[in-house]
């Protein structure tokens, strides 16, 4: 891969850094006079203009409309992020707030669901997180409790320590002994299996050995099918997005038509989830600037993601979507720390 900075000397790189920082700070195109003032370098206006012309020729900056100033291109942002951003640790107050938010006494599902809102609140962008797929989560325990003659409470405990309480409708009243026997039978055949796999086991068993089953086994499988149908519905929540309307505040994303398309993508979630899935096998922070994401809908955005884990298995990805004009030195550590603290909180459930 060719060196993308081979066409820039140290002075040009420094002036690019100053220009990007200036544009991120106030959102105004940076003119040569402003760049000279911001840089603190004793350079003539002609020299500054020549450097800016070179940066523009090499695709690092461009002039929006007929503005006399220049703004970074995606290539300029990429060079800035890769070689010029100084990442500082999070303020202690923010770090403590994130730790408190991830109270390990909460269920794993609650912890995961809250992460997108936390990221959105800290960055004022859209916070995103992919929810672990059902196939990666297995059944740890299942239990039934009679609520009324026609209702049974299902307590489904999963291997991510998520506890799902569901009420199912039944056609007759069960005794405590029957419910305990049903629970014991289902735990024997379903523990360690994912929700979809467990349902297939029940369907297979009831077809193959129905004639040899006693009434307890038939009842247990009937209860199990209803319980798993309810539990599996939660697995369709493939990703959670919070703070979408935050993006309306940024001029960079102010085009109404583009915002409508972006919000439509958020509602459908397909492109968001596909992008997060691309990051599942990556280690650490991933940053997509503009077209780098591979999805046209995010061409005017930057996406910063990090994976979160449980038992050294990658469970999902979280991050933020915002304008390319974002404070990367602040956003990157927020995403990184949130992923690490979510991982730590989930592991306390083991």
Protein backbone atom coordinates (compact mmCIF):
# COMPACT_ATOMS: atom_id res chain seq x y z
CA UNK A 1 0.00 0.00 0.00
CA UNK A 2 1.56 3.32 -1.04
CA UNK A 3 2.38 5.89 1.61
CA UNK A 4 -0.54 8.35 1.51
CA UNK A 5 1.64 11.11 3.01
CA UNK A 6 4.53 10.81 0.55
CA UNK A 7 3.26 13.92 -1.27
CA UNK A 8 3.31 16.07 1.91
CA UNK A 9 6.21 17.62 3.78
CA UNK A 10 6.11 18.31 7.51
CA UNK A 11 4.90 21.87 7.04
CA UNK A 12 2.01 20.78 4.84
CA UNK A 13 1.02 18.09 7.34
CA UNK A 14 1.05 20.59 10.17
CA UNK A 15 -1.04 23.11 8.27
CA UNK A 16 -3.50 20.36 7.35
CA UNK A 17 -3.77 19.44 11.02
CA UNK A 18 -4.44 23.06 11.96
CA UNK A 19 -7.02 23.42 9.19
CA UNK A 20 -8.90 20.26 10.20
CA UNK A 21 -8.90 21.27 13.87
CA UNK A 22 -10.15 24.73 12.98
CA UNK A 23 -12.97 23.40 10.83
CA UNK A 24 -14.00 20.85 13.46
CA UNK A 25 -14.06 23.58 16.09
CA UNK A 26 -16.34 26.09 14.39
CA UNK A 27 -17.62 24.53 11.18
CA UNK A 28 -16.46 27.43 9.00
CA UNK A 29 -14.29 26.96 5.89
CA UNK A 30 -10.73 28.00 6.72
CA UNK A 31 -9.21 30.75 4.60
CA UNK A 32 -5.46 31.28 4.15
CA UNK A 33 -5.40 34.30 6.48
CA UNK A 34 -7.16 32.34 9.23
CA UNK A 35 -4.85 29.38 8.70
CA UNK A 36 -1.79 31.61 8.99
CA UNK A 37 -3.12 33.04 12.24
CA UNK A 38 -4.07 29.67 13.72
CA UNK A 39 -0.80 28.01 12.76
CA UNK A 40 1.45 30.50 14.54
CA UNK A 41 4.00 30.05 11.77
CA UNK A 42 5.81 33.04 10.36
CA UNK A 43 4.83 32.38 6.76
CA UNK A 44 3.75 34.74 4.03
CA UNK A 45 0.19 34.65 2.71
CA UNK A 46 1.55 33.49 -0.62
CA UNK A 47 3.31 30.53 1.01
CA UNK A 48 0.16 29.55 2.88
CA UNK A 49 -1.90 29.75 -0.32
CA UNK A 50 0.65 27.59 -2.15
CA UNK A 51 0.49 24.93 0.57
CA UNK A 52 -3.31 24.99 0.51
CA UNK A 53 -3.26 24.65 -3.27
CA UNK A 54 -1.00 21.61 -2.92
CA UNK A 55 -3.29 20.07 -0.26
CA UNK A 56 -6.27 20.64 -2.52
CA UNK A 57 -4.52 19.20 -5.56
CA UNK A 58 -3.69 16.03 -3.59
CA UNK A 59 -7.28 15.61 -2.40
CA UNK A 60 -6.94 16.51 1.28
CA UNK A 61 -9.07 19.67 1.25
CA UNK A 62 -11.61 21.29 -1.06
CA UNK A 63 -13.61 24.48 -1.46
CA UNK A 64 -17.31 24.11 -0.65
CA UNK A 65 -19.36 25.95 -3.29
CA UNK A 66 -17.66 29.28 -4.01
CA UNK A 67 -16.21 29.80 -0.54
CA UNK A 68 -12.77 31.36 -0.28
CA UNK A 69 -12.01 28.94 2.53
CA UNK A 70 -11.28 25.22 2.47
CA UNK A 71 -12.62 22.23 4.40
CA UNK A 72 -11.22 18.71 4.80
CA UNK A 73 -12.16 15.92 2.44
CA UNK A 74 -12.65 12.36 3.63
CA UNK A 75 -9.02 11.73 2.68
CA UNK A 76 -7.95 14.70 4.77
CA UNK A 77 -9.95 13.46 7.74
CA UNK A 78 -8.44 9.99 7.32
CA UNK A 79 -4.88 11.29 7.43
CA UNK A 80 -5.78 13.47 10.41
CA UNK A 81 -7.33 10.56 12.34
CA UNK A 82 -4.54 8.11 11.50
CA UNK A 83 -1.55 10.32 12.25
CA UNK A 84 -2.49 13.58 13.93
CA UNK A 85 -5.13 13.01 16.61
CA UNK A 86 -3.91 13.06 20.19
CA UNK A 87 -6.10 10.68 22.21
CA UNK A 88 -6.36 11.62 25.86
CA UNK A 89 -7.88 9.57 28.69
CA UNK A 90 -11.49 10.33 29.61
CA UNK A 91 -12.13 12.82 32.38
CA UNK A 92 -12.52 11.05 35.71
CA UNK A 93 -16.07 12.34 36.09
CA UNK A 94 -17.14 10.85 32.75
CA UNK A 95 -15.38 7.58 33.50
CA UNK A 96 -17.16 7.29 36.86
CA UNK A 97 -20.49 8.09 35.25
CA UNK A 98 -20.06 5.32 32.65
CA UNK A 99 -19.07 2.84 35.36
CA UNK A 100 -22.15 3.72 37.41
CA UNK A 101 -24.36 3.36 34.35
CA UNK A 102 -23.16 -0.20 33.85
CA UNK A 103 -24.35 -1.47 37.21
CA UNK A 104 -23.58 -5.19 37.11
CA UNK A 105 -26.76 -5.92 39.07
CA UNK A 106 -28.76 -5.20 35.92
CA UNK A 107 -29.57 -7.97 33.47
CA UNK A 108 -27.25 -8.41 30.50
CA UNK A 109 -30.05 -7.36 28.16
CA UNK A 110 -30.60 -4.13 30.11
CA UNK A 111 -26.87 -3.35 30.07
CA UNK A 112 -26.69 -3.82 26.31
CA UNK A 113 -29.87 -1.85 25.64
CA UNK A 114 -28.62 1.10 27.72
CA UNK A 115 -25.25 1.37 25.94
CA UNK A 116 -26.58 3.11 22.82
CA UNK A 117 -28.34 5.76 24.90
CA UNK A 118 -25.20 6.31 26.95
CA UNK A 119 -23.07 6.80 23.82
CA UNK A 120 -25.61 9.17 22.34
CA UNK A 121 -25.73 11.23 25.50
CA UNK A 122 -21.95 11.49 25.80
CA UNK A 123 -21.27 12.39 22.16
CA UNK A 124 -24.54 14.03 21.04
CA UNK A 125 -24.50 11.76 18.01
CA UNK A 126 -26.51 8.63 17.24
CA UNK A 127 -25.48 5.75 19.50
CA UNK A 128 -25.63 2.26 18.02
CA UNK A 129 -25.13 -1.27 19.36
CA UNK A 130 -25.70 -4.70 17.87
CA UNK A 131 -27.56 -7.12 20.10
CA UNK A 132 -26.04 -10.61 20.48
CA UNK A 133 -27.60 -13.06 18.07
CA UNK A 134 -29.82 -15.74 19.54
CA UNK A 135 -27.59 -18.49 18.21
CA UNK A 136 -24.76 -17.22 20.39
CA UNK A 137 -26.92 -17.39 23.52
CA UNK A 138 -27.93 -20.73 25.01
CA UNK A 139 -30.52 -21.78 27.56
CA UNK A 140 -29.21 -22.14 31.11
CA UNK A 141 -32.47 -22.89 32.94
CA UNK A 142 -36.21 -22.90 32.36
CA UNK A 143 -38.90 -22.87 35.04
CA UNK A 144 -42.71 -22.66 35.15
CA UNK A 145 -44.96 -21.09 37.79
CA UNK A 146 -48.77 -21.22 37.72
CA UNK A 147 -50.33 -17.76 37.90
CA UNK A 148 -53.96 -18.67 37.29
CA UNK A 149 -56.05 -21.41 35.74
CA UNK A 150 -55.14 -20.14 32.27
CA UNK A 151 -51.77 -18.44 32.77
CA UNK A 152 -48.26 -19.77 33.46
CA UNK A 153 -45.19 -17.67 34.14
CA UNK A 154 -42.10 -18.82 32.23
CA UNK A 155 -38.71 -17.93 33.71
CA UNK A 156 -36.08 -18.39 31.02
CA UNK A 157 -32.44 -17.93 32.09
CA UNK A 158 -29.88 -17.62 29.26
CA UNK A 159 -26.14 -18.07 29.27
CA UNK A 160 -25.58 -14.31 29.05
CA UNK A 161 -27.42 -14.18 32.40
CA UNK A 162 -30.36 -12.44 30.81
CA UNK A 163 -33.54 -13.48 32.62
CA UNK A 164 -36.69 -13.38 30.52
CA UNK A 165 -40.05 -13.54 32.31
CA UNK A 166 -42.94 -14.37 30.03
CA UNK A 167 -46.60 -15.18 30.63
CA UNK A 168 -48.12 -17.85 28.41
CA UNK A 169 -51.78 -18.79 28.01
CA UNK A 170 -52.67 -22.45 28.74
CA UNK A 171 -55.84 -24.46 28.17
CA UNK A 172 -55.97 -26.07 31.59
CA UNK A 173 -54.66 -25.60 35.10
CA UNK A 174 -51.39 -27.36 35.96
CA UNK A 175 -50.39 -28.60 39.39
CA UNK A 176 -47.09 -27.54 40.93
CA UNK A 177 -45.82 -31.09 40.52
CA UNK A 178 -46.67 -31.12 36.79
CA UNK A 179 -44.90 -27.83 36.23
CA UNK A 180 -41.84 -29.02 38.13
CA UNK A 181 -41.73 -32.26 36.11
CA UNK A 182 -42.08 -30.27 32.88
CA UNK A 183 -39.28 -27.96 33.94
CA UNK A 184 -37.00 -30.89 34.82
CA UNK A 185 -37.69 -32.61 31.49
CA UNK A 186 -37.04 -29.49 29.41
CA UNK A 187 -33.87 -28.63 31.33
CA UNK A 188 -32.58 -32.14 30.61
CA UNK A 189 -33.01 -31.81 26.85
CA UNK A 190 -32.61 -28.08 26.22
CA UNK A 191 -29.87 -26.68 28.50
CA UNK A 192 -26.90 -25.55 26.42
CA UNK A 193 -28.92 -25.11 23.24
CA UNK A 194 -29.77 -21.82 21.54
CA UNK A 195 -33.39 -20.72 21.31
CA UNK A 196 -33.87 -21.71 17.67
CA UNK A 197 -32.02 -24.99 18.17
CA UNK A 198 -34.13 -25.75 21.26
CA UNK A 199 -37.34 -25.21 19.34
CA UNK A 200 -36.14 -27.58 16.61
CA UNK A 201 -35.36 -30.22 19.26
CA UNK A 202 -38.90 -29.98 20.59
CA UNK A 203 -40.43 -30.23 17.14
CA UNK A 204 -38.25 -33.21 16.28
CA UNK A 205 -39.00 -35.02 19.55
CA UNK A 206 -42.73 -34.55 19.36
CA UNK A 207 -42.81 -35.88 15.79
CA UNK A 208 -40.56 -38.88 16.38
CA UNK A 209 -41.69 -40.28 19.71
CA UNK A 210 -45.15 -38.84 20.28
CA UNK A 211 -46.66 -42.31 20.60
CA UNK A 212 -44.28 -43.25 23.39
CA UNK A 213 -44.72 -40.05 25.38
CA UNK A 214 -46.65 -39.87 28.57
CA UNK A 215 -48.91 -36.93 29.27
CA UNK A 216 -46.23 -35.14 31.28
CA UNK A 217 -43.82 -35.11 28.33
CA UNK A 218 -46.52 -33.91 25.94
CA UNK A 219 -47.44 -31.11 28.35
CA UNK A 220 -43.79 -30.18 28.86
CA UNK A 221 -43.15 -29.89 25.14
CA UNK A 222 -46.34 -27.87 24.63
CA UNK A 223 -45.25 -25.48 27.38
CA UNK A 224 -41.72 -25.37 25.99
CA UNK A 225 -42.89 -24.49 22.49
CA UNK A 226 -44.91 -21.55 23.77
CA UNK A 227 -42.08 -20.38 26.00
CA UNK A 228 -39.49 -20.49 23.21
CA UNK A 229 -41.76 -18.79 20.70
CA UNK A 230 -41.95 -15.85 23.08
CA UNK A 231 -38.28 -15.89 23.92
CA UNK A 232 -37.14 -16.03 20.32
CA UNK A 233 -39.07 -12.91 19.41
CA UNK A 234 -36.53 -10.88 21.33
CA UNK A 235 -33.76 -12.07 19.03
CA UNK A 236 -35.21 -9.97 16.21
CA UNK A 237 -33.97 -6.86 18.00
CA UNK A 238 -30.78 -6.99 15.99
CA UNK A 239 -29.52 -3.54 16.92
CA UNK A 240 -30.49 -0.59 19.07
CA UNK A 241 -30.13 3.02 17.88
CA UNK A 242 -30.49 6.03 20.18
CA UNK A 243 -30.25 9.77 19.61
CA UNK A 244 -31.07 9.82 15.91
CA UNK A 245 -32.50 13.34 16.12
CA UNK A 246 -29.17 14.63 17.44
CA UNK A 247 -27.91 14.55 13.86
CA UNK A 248 -30.39 17.22 12.83
CA UNK A 249 -28.30 19.75 14.75
CA UNK A 250 -25.28 19.50 12.43
CA UNK A 251 -25.07 21.62 9.29
CA UNK A 252 -22.92 18.93 7.67
CA UNK A 253 -25.97 16.66 7.69
CA UNK A 254 -28.52 19.44 7.21
CA UNK A 255 -29.77 18.40 3.77
CA UNK A 256 -33.39 17.38 4.40
CA UNK A 257 -33.44 14.70 1.72
CA UNK A 258 -30.25 13.12 3.02
CA UNK A 259 -31.55 13.22 6.59
CA UNK A 260 -34.75 11.48 5.52
CA UNK A 261 -32.73 8.75 3.83
CA UNK A 262 -30.49 8.41 6.88
CA UNK A 263 -33.46 8.16 9.25
CA UNK A 264 -35.09 5.60 6.94
CA UNK A 265 -31.90 3.53 7.15
CA UNK A 266 -31.98 3.83 10.94
CA UNK A 267 -35.58 2.60 11.00
CA UNK A 268 -34.87 -0.35 8.71
CA UNK A 269 -31.60 -1.09 10.55
CA UNK A 270 -30.36 -3.35 7.75
CA UNK A 271 -27.39 -1.20 6.65
CA UNK A 272 -26.52 -0.28 10.24
CA UNK A 273 -26.47 -3.93 11.28
CA UNK A 274 -24.48 -4.96 8.20
CA UNK A 275 -21.87 -2.32 8.99
CA UNK A 276 -21.67 -3.45 12.62
CA UNK A 277 -21.35 -7.07 11.49
CA UNK A 278 -18.33 -6.06 9.37
CA UNK A 279 -16.64 -4.99 12.61
CA UNK A 280 -17.32 -8.21 14.53
CA UNK A 281 -14.02 -9.83 13.64
CA UNK A 282 -11.95 -6.68 14.08
CA UNK A 283 -9.99 -5.84 17.19
CA UNK A 284 -10.34 -2.49 18.88
CA UNK A 285 -11.59 0.77 17.45
CA UNK A 286 -12.76 0.92 13.83
CA UNK A 287 -13.32 4.27 12.12
CA UNK A 288 -15.16 4.65 8.82
CA UNK A 289 -15.06 8.09 7.22
CA UNK A 290 -17.49 8.86 4.41
CA UNK A 291 -17.50 6.28 1.63
CA UNK A 292 -15.18 3.96 3.58
CA UNK A 293 -18.22 2.34 5.22
CA UNK A 294 -19.30 0.93 1.85
CA UNK A 295 -22.86 2.19 2.35
CA UNK A 296 -23.96 5.24 0.34
CA UNK A 297 -26.30 6.36 3.10
CA UNK A 298 -23.27 7.04 5.35
CA UNK A 299 -21.22 8.95 2.75
CA UNK A 300 -21.51 12.19 4.73
CA UNK A 301 -20.92 10.53 8.10
CA UNK A 302 -18.17 9.09 10.23
CA UNK A 303 -18.78 5.88 12.15
CA UNK A 304 -16.65 4.96 15.17
CA UNK A 305 -17.10 1.44 16.58
CA UNK A 306 -15.58 -1.01 19.05
CA UNK A 307 -16.46 -4.63 19.90
CA UNK A 308 -17.71 -5.77 23.29
CA UNK A 309 -17.12 -9.28 24.56
CA UNK A 310 -18.19 -12.02 26.92
CA UNK A 311 -16.04 -15.06 27.75
CA UNK A 312 -13.52 -13.96 25.11
CA UNK A 313 -16.22 -14.48 22.46
CA UNK A 314 -17.09 -11.42 20.48
CA UNK A 315 -20.73 -10.70 21.23
CA UNK A 316 -21.45 -7.50 19.39
CA UNK A 317 -20.32 -4.05 18.35
CA UNK A 318 -21.20 -0.59 19.65
CA UNK A 319 -20.39 2.88 18.44
CA UNK A 320 -21.62 6.22 17.17
CA UNK A 321 -22.68 7.70 13.85
CA UNK A 322 -22.12 11.41 13.38
CA UNK A 323 -20.84 14.01 10.94
CA UNK A 324 -17.30 13.73 9.64
CA UNK A 325 -16.68 16.99 11.52
CA UNK A 326 -16.52 15.36 14.94
CA UNK A 327 -14.09 15.70 17.83
CA UNK A 328 -12.33 12.39 17.21
CA UNK A 329 -10.01 12.83 20.18
CA UNK A 330 -13.10 12.83 22.42
CA UNK A 331 -15.32 10.35 20.58
CA UNK A 332 -12.72 7.59 20.20
CA UNK A 333 -12.01 7.18 23.95
CA UNK A 334 -15.74 7.36 24.77
CA UNK A 335 -16.48 4.46 22.40
CA UNK A 336 -13.41 2.51 23.52
CA UNK A 337 -14.09 2.86 27.26
CA UNK A 338 -17.81 2.15 26.87
CA UNK A 339 -17.04 -1.13 25.08
CA UNK A 340 -14.51 -2.17 27.72
CA UNK A 341 -16.76 -1.30 30.67
CA UNK A 342 -19.74 -3.06 29.06
CA UNK A 343 -17.54 -6.14 28.60
CA UNK A 344 -16.47 -5.97 32.26
CA UNK A 345 -20.09 -5.59 33.43
CA UNK A 346 -21.27 -8.54 31.32
CA UNK A 347 -18.50 -10.76 32.64
CA UNK A 348 -19.67 -10.24 36.22
CA UNK A 349 -22.75 -12.25 35.24
CA UNK A 350 -20.73 -15.40 34.61
